[in-house]
C-alpha atoms as a PDB file:
ATOM      1  CA  MET A   1      90.286 -26.102  43.687  1.00  0.00           C
ATOM      2  CA  GLN A   2      87.292 -26.673  45.980  1.00  0.00           C
ATOM      3  CA  LYS A   3      88.642 -24.065  48.390  1.00  0.00           C
ATOM      4  CA  ASP A   4      88.844 -21.453  45.587  1.00  0.00           C
ATOM      5  CA  ASN A   5      85.226 -22.131  44.557  1.00  0.00           C
ATOM      6  CA  SER A   6      84.088 -21.684  48.160  1.00  0.00           C
ATOM      7  CA  ARG A   7      85.794 -18.314  48.368  1.00  0.00           C
ATOM      8  CA  VAL A   8      84.226 -17.165  45.083  1.00  0.00           C
ATOM      9  CA  LEU A   9      80.806 -18.297  46.302  1.00  0.00           C
ATOM     10  CA  LEU A  10      81.290 -16.534  49.634  1.00  0.00           C
ATOM     11  CA  VAL A  11      82.344 -13.286  47.928  1.00  0.00           C
ATOM     12  CA  ALA A  12      79.355 -13.523  45.549  1.00  0.00           C
ATOM     13  CA  ILE A  13      76.952 -13.957  48.471  1.00  0.00           C
ATOM     14  CA  VAL A  14      78.425 -11.000  50.355  1.00  0.00           C
ATOM     15  CA  VAL A  15      78.228  -8.797  47.236  1.00  0.00           C
ATOM     16  CA  ALA A  16      74.609  -9.838  46.630  1.00  0.00           C
ATOM     17  CA  LEU A  17      73.626  -9.085  50.226  1.00  0.00           C
ATOM     18  CA  VAL A  18      75.313  -5.678  50.213  1.00  0.00           C
ATOM     19  CA  ALA A  19      73.818  -4.728  46.825  1.00  0.00           C
ATOM     20  CA  GLY A  20      70.342  -5.887  47.870  1.00  0.00           C
ATOM     21  CA  SER A  21      70.317  -3.909  51.095  1.00  0.00           C
ATOM     22  CA  THR A  22      71.834  -0.679  49.754  1.00  0.00           C
ATOM     23  CA  GLY A  23      68.440   0.780  48.779  1.00  0.00           C
ATOM     24  CA  ALA A  24      66.906   0.002  52.135  1.00  0.00           C
ATOM     25  CA  VAL A  25      69.853   1.475  53.977  1.00  0.00           C
ATOM     26  CA  ALA A  26      69.871   4.625  51.821  1.00  0.00           C
ATOM     27  CA  ALA A  27      66.138   5.139  52.381  1.00  0.00           C
ATOM     28  CA  GLY A  28      66.721   5.193  56.119  1.00  0.00           C
ATOM     29  CA  LEU A  29      69.697   7.556  56.041  1.00  0.00           C
ATOM     30  CA  VAL A  30      67.941  10.885  55.333  1.00  0.00           C
ATOM     31  CA  THR A  31      64.977  11.969  57.414  1.00  0.00           C
ATOM     32  CA  SER A  32      63.125  15.270  57.726  1.00  0.00           C
ATOM     33  CA  LYS A  33      65.217  16.001  60.826  1.00  0.00           C
ATOM     34  CA  ASP A  34      68.304  15.927  58.615  1.00  0.00           C
ATOM     35  CA  ILE A  35      66.966  18.593  56.222  1.00  0.00           C
ATOM     36  CA  LYS A  36      67.464  22.214  57.225  1.00  0.00           C
ATOM     37  CA  ASN A  37      64.278  24.319  57.048  1.00  0.00           C
ATOM     38  CA  GLY A  38      63.980  26.331  53.847  1.00  0.00           C
ATOM     39  CA  THR A  39      66.500  24.286  51.860  1.00  0.00           C
ATOM     40  CA  VAL A  40      64.109  22.136  49.779  1.00  0.00           C
ATOM     41  CA  SER A  41      62.977  23.942  46.637  1.00  0.00           C
ATOM     42  CA  SER A  42      60.634  23.163  43.761  1.00  0.00           C
ATOM     43  CA  LYS A  43      63.421  21.608  41.693  1.00  0.00           C
ATOM     44  CA  ASP A  44      63.994  19.067  44.492  1.00  0.00           C
ATOM     45  CA  ILE A  45      60.400  17.770  44.320  1.00  0.00           C
ATOM     46  CA  ARG A  46      59.367  15.452  41.501  1.00  0.00           C
ATOM     47  CA  ASN A  47      56.181  16.466  39.650  1.00  0.00           C
ATOM     48  CA  GLY A  48      53.097  14.605  40.822  1.00  0.00           C
ATOM     49  CA  THR A  49      54.524  13.567  44.194  1.00  0.00           C
ATOM     50  CA  ILE A  50      52.746  16.092  46.464  1.00  0.00           C
ATOM     51  CA  ARG A  51      49.093  15.308  47.224  1.00  0.00           C
ATOM     52  CA  MET A  52      46.482  17.509  48.885  1.00  0.00           C
ATOM     53  CA  ALA A  53      46.760  15.235  51.937  1.00  0.00           C
ATOM     54  CA  ASP A  54      50.412  16.345  52.252  1.00  0.00           C
ATOM     55  CA  ILE A  55      49.560  20.053  52.365  1.00  0.00           C
ATOM     56  CA  HIS A  56      48.805  21.929  55.610  1.00  0.00           C
ATOM     57  CA  LYS A  57      45.154  22.968  56.068  1.00  0.00           C
ATOM     58  CA  PHE A  58      46.097  26.674  56.180  1.00  0.00           C
ATOM     59  CA  VAL A  59      47.694  26.389  52.734  1.00  0.00           C
ATOM     60  CA  LYS A  60      44.684  24.444  51.386  1.00  0.00           C
ATOM     61  CA  LYS A  61      42.397  27.323  52.431  1.00  0.00           C
ATOM     62  CA  LYS A  62      44.644  29.784  50.581  1.00  0.00           C
ATOM     63  CA  ILE A  63      44.625  27.625  47.450  1.00  0.00           C
ATOM     64  CA  ASN A  64      40.848  27.132  47.411  1.00  0.00           C
ATOM     65  CA  ARG A  65      39.929  30.762  48.139  1.00  0.00           C
ATOM     66  CA  SER A  66      38.517  32.825  45.245  1.00  0.00           C
ATOM     67  CA  GLY A  67      39.761  36.285  44.497  1.00  0.00           C
ATOM     68  CA  PRO A  68      37.514  39.350  44.276  1.00  0.00           C
ATOM     69  CA  GLN A  69      35.119  39.626  41.346  1.00  0.00           C
ATOM     70  CA  GLY A  70      36.491  41.595  38.459  1.00  0.00           C
ATOM     71  CA  PRO A  71      34.734  44.468  36.652  1.00  0.00           C
ATOM     72  CA  ALA A  72      31.890  43.737  34.250  1.00  0.00           C
ATOM     73  CA  GLY A  73      32.927  43.281  30.651  1.00  0.00           C
ATOM     74  CA  SER A  74      31.628  45.403  27.769  1.00  0.00           C
ATOM     75  CA  ASN A  75      28.522  44.396  25.816  1.00  0.00           C
ATOM     76  CA  GLY A  76      29.092  42.200  22.826  1.00  0.00           C
ATOM     77  CA  ASN A  77      28.057  43.029  19.256  1.00  0.00           C
ATOM     78  CA  ASN A  78      24.527  42.305  18.041  1.00  0.00           C
ATOM     79  CA  GLY A  79      24.171  39.045  16.218  1.00  0.00           C
ATOM     80  CA  THR A  80      22.915  38.741  12.641  1.00  0.00           C
ATOM     81  CA  ASN A  81      19.187  38.365  11.964  1.00  0.00           C
ATOM     82  CA  GLY A  82      17.949  34.885  11.338  1.00  0.00           C
ATOM     83  CA  THR A  83      16.242  33.802   8.108  1.00  0.00           C
ATOM     84  CA  ASN A  84      12.503  34.387   7.656  1.00  0.00           C
ATOM     85  CA  GLY A  85      10.278  31.473   8.477  1.00  0.00           C
ATOM     86  CA  THR A  86       7.889  29.894   5.970  1.00  0.00           C
ATOM     87  CA  THR A  87       4.396  31.403   5.458  1.00  0.00           C
ATOM     88  CA  GLY A  88       1.760  29.785   7.613  1.00  0.00           C
ATOM     89  CA  ALA A  89      -1.533  28.319   6.347  1.00  0.00           C
ATOM     90  CA  THR A  90      -4.500  30.627   5.707  1.00  0.00           C
ATOM     91  CA  GLY A  91      -6.865  30.865   8.637  1.00  0.00           C
ATOM     92  CA  ALA A  92     -10.639  30.359   8.514  1.00  0.00           C
ATOM     93  CA  THR A  93     -12.868  33.254   7.436  1.00  0.00           C
ATOM     94  CA  GLY A  94     -14.326  35.171  10.338  1.00  0.00           C
ATOM     95  CA  ALA A  95     -17.996  36.026  10.896  1.00  0.00           C
ATOM     96  CA  THR A  96     -19.443  39.088   9.154  1.00  0.00           C
ATOM     97  CA  GLY A  97     -19.549  42.132  11.375  1.00  0.00           C
ATOM     98  CA  PRO A  98     -22.559  44.463  11.962  1.00  0.00           C
ATOM     99  CA  HIS A  99     -23.496  47.074   9.334  1.00  0.00           C
ATOM    100  CA  GLY A 100     -22.549  50.530  10.119  1.00  0.00           C
END
């Protein structure tokens, strides 16, 4: 019975080691040298994974460059007149002018 338990324990350890290292092994299997130029497309890249630091400087210049200015737009319609303000206070009486 002890021998059977040892075998089960040994198999469990081997399975755990293989399962734990599978991710690390898979990460090291595919490199950029393994990918043929022009075969990676947009659908292969997860959204949010490419940063500006990953992009070649020539492409960054293309992205950041403005296009030519477009033609001027037409004039907009006149706005409505505002409401009249309140009447101001009466000013002081001026001096009497010369007789004519």
